[in-house]
């Protein structure tokens, strides 16, 4: 695909759900839509610091939500007093190894984003882990419902067979090339794979409960492999190399379809998507107003993005959209005034 300057990308004011809203990833918010870092935002601080001794940090035995963010912790130790802890945030520290957490029996969330951990090990039922090269050592996390592995160095999806209760899987901004080994995740409802190196939509047949699928900013050229995802409600495929809208015959429950910033020349094969509420099609090659007829069956359609298509050059651009799609309340980033 043609590259865009950061300035051009900043004009795109839409939140594209490239990653899960619950990730809370500040670094991800610094990135522009194509994954480049925004130079106007501050960079992360260097990790060339000396770790502190845990004895210098005061811990409250009664605390349930423990935040030890950017404390220069080099080793997880001395946390046995936190018997009531349910969430533990160790973001932005100097931790190299996951260890000494066995005594935290009530822990349900562990956040190790922005550390120096390279292997998932010594884990009990926690939720978030960061900076790893392989997904491994997770066999005991059978009751985890949400797993966040955003912004790591993961190259393949593996070792998730035991996560039969998993409802959300966030693997955005890694080095994944193939969608695989997800067959056992029958409870999965949301899958985020944005900003990887995926070239094909495949191996999704077993995800019958999936309602949200985000695979933005990858290398996909064809919409396929979605026929079994009959419960899918939100599909995010922006910033790929897709040329034709197709393969959505069985996805009749879609309420949001994001295919912005692709190579699409025609709106087609969506007339059966009668439950559509959001249609994001900006930055494509649509030049025929009659294409909007494909959306007329979507009586609840509220938002359409068509900017930076050839049809936007028409002086009557907004008026023609309003006439063709009277239910729409927002055109691009601007609400319609009545």
Protein backbone atom coordinates (compact mmCIF):
# COMPACT_ATOMS: atom_id res chain seq x y z
CA UNK A 1 0.00 0.00 0.00
CA UNK A 2 1.10 3.57 -0.55
CA UNK A 3 2.61 5.11 2.53
CA UNK A 4 1.17 8.24 4.10
CA UNK A 5 2.87 10.98 6.01
CA UNK A 6 2.15 11.34 9.69
CA UNK A 7 0.54 14.71 9.00
CA UNK A 8 -1.93 13.16 6.58
CA UNK A 9 -2.77 10.40 9.00
CA UNK A 10 -3.49 12.86 11.78
CA UNK A 11 -6.33 14.20 9.65
CA UNK A 12 -8.13 10.91 10.13
CA UNK A 13 -10.04 11.69 13.29
CA UNK A 14 -11.75 8.36 13.76
CA UNK A 15 -11.00 5.95 16.58
CA UNK A 16 -10.49 2.70 14.71
CA UNK A 17 -10.53 0.13 17.51
CA UNK A 18 -7.13 -1.08 16.36
CA UNK A 19 -6.64 -2.32 19.87
CA UNK A 20 -8.93 -3.18 22.74
CA UNK A 21 -10.25 -0.21 24.68
CA UNK A 22 -9.25 -1.88 27.93
CA UNK A 23 -5.59 -2.18 27.08
CA UNK A 24 -4.83 1.19 28.64
CA UNK A 25 -1.69 1.34 26.54
CA UNK A 26 -0.27 4.87 26.58
CA UNK A 27 2.44 4.01 24.08
CA UNK A 28 -0.15 2.74 21.61
CA UNK A 29 -2.00 6.05 21.82
CA UNK A 30 1.24 7.73 20.74
CA UNK A 31 1.18 5.83 17.48
CA UNK A 32 -0.48 7.07 14.34
CA UNK A 33 -2.87 4.83 12.44
CA UNK A 34 -0.17 3.11 10.38
CA UNK A 35 1.86 2.27 13.47
CA UNK A 36 4.43 5.09 13.20
CA UNK A 37 5.34 6.99 16.32
CA UNK A 38 3.97 10.51 16.58
CA UNK A 39 7.02 12.79 16.96
CA UNK A 40 4.93 15.34 18.80
CA UNK A 41 4.42 12.97 21.71
CA UNK A 42 7.05 12.25 24.39
CA UNK A 43 9.01 9.04 24.05
CA UNK A 44 9.34 6.45 26.79
CA UNK A 45 12.02 7.04 29.36
CA UNK A 46 15.22 5.05 29.07
CA UNK A 47 15.53 1.83 31.02
CA UNK A 48 19.20 2.50 31.80
CA UNK A 49 18.44 2.97 35.47
CA UNK A 50 19.56 1.23 38.62
CA UNK A 51 16.88 -0.97 40.24
CA UNK A 52 15.80 -0.18 43.78
CA UNK A 53 15.64 -2.59 46.69
CA UNK A 54 12.07 -3.71 47.42
CA UNK A 55 12.74 -3.01 51.12
CA UNK A 56 12.58 0.69 50.31
CA UNK A 57 8.99 0.45 49.02
CA UNK A 58 6.09 0.64 51.48
CA UNK A 59 3.37 -1.97 50.89
CA UNK A 60 -0.12 -1.84 52.41
CA UNK A 61 -1.35 -5.34 53.44
CA UNK A 62 -4.98 -4.14 53.21
CA UNK A 63 -4.76 -2.84 49.67
CA UNK A 64 -6.70 -4.71 46.96
CA UNK A 65 -5.56 -2.63 43.98
CA UNK A 66 -1.79 -2.24 44.12
CA UNK A 67 -0.01 0.22 41.81
CA UNK A 68 3.79 0.05 41.71
CA UNK A 69 4.27 1.97 38.47
CA UNK A 70 7.68 3.32 37.47
CA UNK A 71 9.29 2.47 40.81
CA UNK A 72 12.53 1.10 39.26
CA UNK A 73 11.76 -2.36 40.61
CA UNK A 74 14.29 -4.87 39.27
CA UNK A 75 12.98 -8.07 40.83
CA UNK A 76 9.58 -9.26 42.00
CA UNK A 77 10.05 -10.14 45.64
CA UNK A 78 8.73 -9.31 49.09
CA UNK A 79 5.10 -9.12 47.95
CA UNK A 80 3.88 -11.85 50.31
CA UNK A 81 2.24 -9.21 52.54
CA UNK A 82 -0.24 -8.37 49.77
CA UNK A 83 -2.62 -11.20 50.64
CA UNK A 84 -5.68 -9.14 49.72
CA UNK A 85 -4.38 -7.91 46.38
CA UNK A 86 -6.68 -8.53 43.42
CA UNK A 87 -4.89 -6.33 40.89
CA UNK A 88 -1.17 -5.66 40.72
CA UNK A 89 0.32 -3.13 38.30
CA UNK A 90 4.07 -3.25 37.81
CA UNK A 91 4.22 -1.14 34.68
CA UNK A 92 7.37 0.71 33.60
CA UNK A 93 9.84 -1.04 35.84
CA UNK A 94 13.06 -2.99 35.24
CA UNK A 95 11.70 -6.50 35.84
CA UNK A 96 13.37 -9.29 33.84
CA UNK A 97 11.60 -12.34 35.26
CA UNK A 98 8.09 -13.24 36.46
CA UNK A 99 8.52 -14.91 39.85
CA UNK A 100 7.48 -15.01 43.51
CA UNK A 101 3.77 -14.48 42.91
CA UNK A 102 2.50 -17.83 44.22
CA UNK A 103 1.37 -16.41 47.55
CA UNK A 104 -0.98 -13.86 45.95
CA UNK A 105 -3.88 -16.29 45.76
CA UNK A 106 -6.55 -13.60 45.20
CA UNK A 107 -4.72 -11.97 42.31
CA UNK A 108 -6.81 -11.72 39.14
CA UNK A 109 -4.98 -9.01 37.19
CA UNK A 110 -1.25 -8.70 36.65
CA UNK A 111 0.09 -5.84 34.53
CA UNK A 112 3.73 -6.06 33.48
CA UNK A 113 3.60 -3.75 30.49
CA UNK A 114 6.87 -1.98 29.65
CA UNK A 115 9.38 -4.13 31.51
CA UNK A 116 12.18 -6.41 30.32
CA UNK A 117 10.45 -9.81 30.68
CA UNK A 118 11.14 -12.22 27.82
CA UNK A 119 9.35 -15.37 28.95
CA UNK A 120 5.98 -16.10 30.49
CA UNK A 121 6.69 -18.35 33.46
CA UNK A 122 5.77 -18.98 37.08
CA UNK A 123 2.25 -17.71 36.47
CA UNK A 124 -0.99 -18.44 38.28
CA UNK A 125 -4.45 -17.14 37.23
CA UNK A 126 -3.48 -13.58 36.26
CA UNK A 127 -4.33 -11.51 33.22
CA UNK A 128 -1.72 -9.21 31.68
CA UNK A 129 1.86 -9.90 30.63
CA UNK A 130 4.37 -7.97 28.57
CA UNK A 131 7.59 -7.99 26.55
CA UNK A 132 7.85 -11.63 25.52
CA UNK A 133 9.10 -13.45 22.45
CA UNK A 134 6.86 -16.51 22.74
CA UNK A 135 3.53 -17.19 24.39
CA UNK A 136 4.41 -19.98 26.79
CA UNK A 137 4.10 -21.05 30.40
CA UNK A 138 0.38 -20.28 30.50
CA UNK A 139 -1.05 -23.74 31.08
CA UNK A 140 -2.38 -22.96 34.56
CA UNK A 141 -4.41 -19.92 33.52
CA UNK A 142 -7.52 -21.89 32.67
CA UNK A 143 -10.00 -19.42 34.20
CA UNK A 144 -8.59 -16.23 32.69
CA UNK A 145 -11.21 -14.27 30.75
CA UNK A 146 -9.06 -11.43 29.39
CA UNK A 147 -5.49 -11.72 28.23
CA UNK A 148 -3.54 -8.64 27.14
CA UNK A 149 -0.27 -9.17 25.25
CA UNK A 150 -0.18 -5.87 23.40
CA UNK A 151 3.16 -4.43 22.25
CA UNK A 152 5.44 -7.39 22.71
CA UNK A 153 7.70 -9.42 20.44
CA UNK A 154 5.44 -12.40 19.84
CA UNK A 155 5.95 -14.02 16.43
CA UNK A 156 3.42 -16.86 16.62
CA UNK A 157 0.13 -17.72 18.33
CA UNK A 158 0.67 -20.87 20.39
CA UNK A 159 0.19 -22.49 23.80
CA UNK A 160 -3.29 -21.09 24.37
CA UNK A 161 -5.13 -24.43 24.23
CA UNK A 162 -6.08 -24.36 27.92
CA UNK A 163 -7.80 -20.96 27.75
CA UNK A 164 -11.26 -22.35 27.22
CA UNK A 165 -12.83 -19.54 29.31
CA UNK A 166 -11.02 -16.74 27.50
CA UNK A 167 -13.36 -14.03 26.23
CA UNK A 168 -10.90 -11.36 25.06
CA UNK A 169 -7.48 -11.84 23.47
CA UNK A 170 -5.32 -8.81 22.67
CA UNK A 171 -2.27 -9.55 20.51
CA UNK A 172 -1.94 -6.22 18.74
CA UNK A 173 1.41 -4.71 17.77
CA UNK A 174 3.47 -7.88 17.70
CA UNK A 175 5.25 -9.82 14.93
CA UNK A 176 2.56 -12.37 14.11
CA UNK A 177 2.36 -13.57 10.49
CA UNK A 178 -0.25 -16.35 10.67
CA UNK A 179 -3.59 -16.67 12.48
CA UNK A 180 -3.42 -20.14 14.02
CA UNK A 181 -3.99 -22.32 17.09
CA UNK A 182 -7.22 -20.63 18.20
CA UNK A 183 -9.54 -23.61 17.66
CA UNK A 184 -10.09 -24.38 21.36
CA UNK A 185 -11.08 -20.81 22.31
CA UNK A 186 -14.78 -21.49 22.00
CA UNK A 187 -15.73 -18.73 24.45
CA UNK A 188 -13.69 -16.02 22.74
CA UNK A 189 -15.77 -12.93 22.01
CA UNK A 190 -13.15 -10.32 21.06
CA UNK A 191 -9.93 -10.86 19.10
CA UNK A 192 -7.49 -8.02 18.44
CA UNK A 193 -4.63 -8.64 15.99
CA UNK A 194 -3.96 -5.12 14.69
CA UNK A 195 -0.52 -3.99 13.56
CA UNK A 196 1.07 -7.35 12.88
CA UNK A 197 2.28 -8.95 9.63
CA UNK A 198 -0.74 -11.13 8.86
CA UNK A 199 -1.35 -11.81 5.16
CA UNK A 200 -4.48 -13.99 5.25
CA UNK A 201 -7.74 -14.33 7.19
CA UNK A 202 -7.76 -18.01 8.13
CA UNK A 203 -8.19 -20.56 10.93
CA UNK A 204 -11.09 -18.69 12.54
CA UNK A 205 -13.74 -21.37 11.98
CA UNK A 206 -13.93 -22.50 15.61
CA UNK A 207 -14.60 -19.05 17.04
CA UNK A 208 -18.39 -19.29 16.99
CA UNK A 209 -18.84 -16.83 19.88
CA UNK A 210 -16.72 -14.09 18.33
CA UNK A 211 -18.46 -10.70 18.15
CA UNK A 212 -15.46 -8.37 17.63
CA UNK A 213 -12.60 -8.99 15.20
CA UNK A 214 -9.92 -6.35 14.64
CA UNK A 215 -7.11 -7.02 12.14
CA UNK A 216 -6.19 -3.50 11.11
CA UNK A 217 -2.82 -2.46 9.73
CA UNK A 218 -1.74 -5.85 8.45
CA UNK A 219 -1.07 -7.21 4.95
CA UNK A 220 -4.48 -8.69 4.09
CA UNK A 221 -5.59 -8.46 0.47
CA UNK A 222 -8.82 -10.50 0.53
CA UNK A 223 -11.83 -10.77 2.86
CA UNK A 224 -12.28 -14.49 3.42
CA UNK A 225 -12.49 -17.16 6.10
CA UNK A 226 -15.31 -15.47 8.03
CA UNK A 227 -18.17 -17.78 7.02
CA UNK A 228 -18.47 -19.47 10.44
CA UNK A 229 -18.42 -16.21 12.41
CA UNK A 230 -22.19 -15.84 12.31
CA UNK A 231 -22.29 -13.82 15.56
CA UNK A 232 -19.76 -11.24 14.43
CA UNK A 233 -20.94 -7.70 15.14
CA UNK A 234 -17.84 -5.55 14.65
CA UNK A 235 -15.23 -6.09 11.94
CA UNK A 236 -12.18 -3.82 11.63
CA UNK A 237 -10.04 -4.28 8.52
CA UNK A 238 -8.70 -0.80 7.84
CA UNK A 239 -5.17 -0.17 6.53
CA UNK A 240 -4.70 -3.36 4.59
CA UNK A 241 -4.55 -4.04 0.85
CA UNK A 242 -8.14 -5.17 0.24
CA UNK A 243 -9.52 -4.46 -3.24
CA UNK A 244 -13.02 -6.00 -3.14
CA UNK A 245 -15.75 -6.15 -0.48
CA UNK A 246 -16.70 -9.84 -0.38
CA UNK A 247 -16.95 -12.87 1.87
CA UNK A 248 -19.47 -11.37 4.29
CA UNK A 249 -22.48 -13.46 3.26
CA UNK A 250 -22.89 -15.12 6.68
CA UNK A 251 -22.02 -12.12 8.82
CA UNK A 252 -25.54 -10.70 8.90
CA UNK A 253 -25.26 -9.41 12.47
CA UNK A 254 -22.57 -6.87 11.64
CA UNK A 255 -23.27 -3.45 13.14
CA UNK A 256 -19.82 -1.95 12.44
CA UNK A 257 -17.79 -2.48 9.28
CA UNK A 258 -14.44 -0.71 9.02
CA UNK A 259 -12.68 -1.13 5.67
CA UNK A 260 -11.09 2.31 5.52
CA UNK A 261 -7.72 2.94 3.90
CA UNK A 262 -7.72 0.00 1.50
CA UNK A 263 -7.84 -0.15 -2.31
CA UNK A 264 -11.58 -0.59 -2.79
CA UNK A 265 -13.21 0.95 -5.87
CA UNK A 266 -16.83 -0.10 -5.34
CA UNK A 267 -19.28 -0.51 -2.44
CA UNK A 268 -20.80 -3.92 -3.07
CA UNK A 269 -21.93 -7.16 -1.43
CA UNK A 270 -23.21 -5.44 1.73
CA UNK A 271 -26.91 -4.99 0.93
CA UNK A 272 -27.72 -7.96 3.19
CA UNK A 273 -26.11 -6.28 6.22
CA UNK A 274 -29.35 -4.76 7.43
CA UNK A 275 -28.15 -4.20 11.00
CA UNK A 276 -25.24 -1.93 10.05
CA UNK A 277 -24.93 1.19 12.20
CA UNK A 278 -21.35 2.25 11.38
CA UNK A 279 -19.77 2.07 7.91
CA UNK A 280 -16.20 3.33 7.62
CA UNK A 281 -15.03 3.54 4.02
CA UNK A 282 -12.81 6.63 3.94
CA UNK A 283 -9.50 6.66 2.06
CA UNK A 284 -10.53 4.31 -0.72
CA UNK A 285 -11.32 4.84 -4.41
CA UNK A 286 -15.14 5.20 -4.49
CA UNK A 287 -16.19 7.41 -7.40
CA UNK A 288 -19.81 6.43 -8.11
CA UNK A 289 -22.72 7.82 -6.10
CA UNK A 290 -24.94 4.87 -7.05
CA UNK A 291 -22.79 2.68 -4.79
CA UNK A 292 -24.64 4.11 -1.79
CA UNK A 293 -27.69 2.10 -2.85
CA UNK A 294 -25.94 -0.92 -1.29
CA UNK A 295 -26.50 0.65 2.13
CA UNK A 296 -30.19 1.52 1.82
CA UNK A 297 -31.36 -1.66 3.54
CA UNK A 298 -29.47 -0.69 6.69
CA UNK A 299 -32.30 1.32 8.24
CA UNK A 300 -30.34 1.93 11.47
CA UNK A 301 -27.23 3.26 9.76
CA UNK A 302 -26.07 6.30 11.73
CA UNK A 303 -22.45 6.96 10.75
CA UNK A 304 -20.64 6.82 7.41
CA UNK A 305 -17.08 7.78 6.63
CA UNK A 306 -16.45 8.44 2.95
CA UNK A 307 -13.95 11.29 3.04
CA UNK A 308 -10.85 11.15 0.88
CA UNK A 309 -12.67 9.15 -1.79
CA UNK A 310 -13.12 10.71 -5.26
CA UNK A 311 -16.81 11.38 -4.52
CA UNK A 312 -15.83 13.88 -1.82
CA UNK A 313 -14.79 16.30 -4.55
CA UNK A 314 -18.49 16.78 -5.39
CA UNK A 315 -19.64 20.19 -4.02
CA UNK A 316 -22.88 18.48 -2.93
CA UNK A 317 -21.01 15.69 -1.12
CA UNK A 318 -22.75 15.91 2.25
CA UNK A 319 -26.17 16.72 0.78
CA UNK A 320 -26.07 13.70 -1.54
CA UNK A 321 -25.18 11.37 1.32
CA UNK A 322 -28.05 12.74 3.41
CA UNK A 323 -30.51 12.22 0.56
CA UNK A 324 -29.31 8.71 -0.23
CA UNK A 325 -29.10 7.60 3.42
CA UNK A 326 -31.68 9.55 5.44
CA UNK A 327 -31.04 7.64 8.68
CA UNK A 328 -27.42 8.85 8.88
CA UNK A 329 -26.66 11.27 11.71
CA UNK A 330 -22.91 11.63 11.21
CA UNK A 331 -20.93 12.06 8.00
CA UNK A 332 -17.20 11.63 8.52
CA UNK A 333 -16.25 13.40 11.76
CA UNK A 334 -19.14 15.88 11.67
CA UNK A 335 -22.64 15.39 13.00
CA UNK A 336 -25.56 16.42 10.82
CA UNK A 337 -27.40 19.52 11.98
CA UNK A 338 -31.14 19.56 11.49
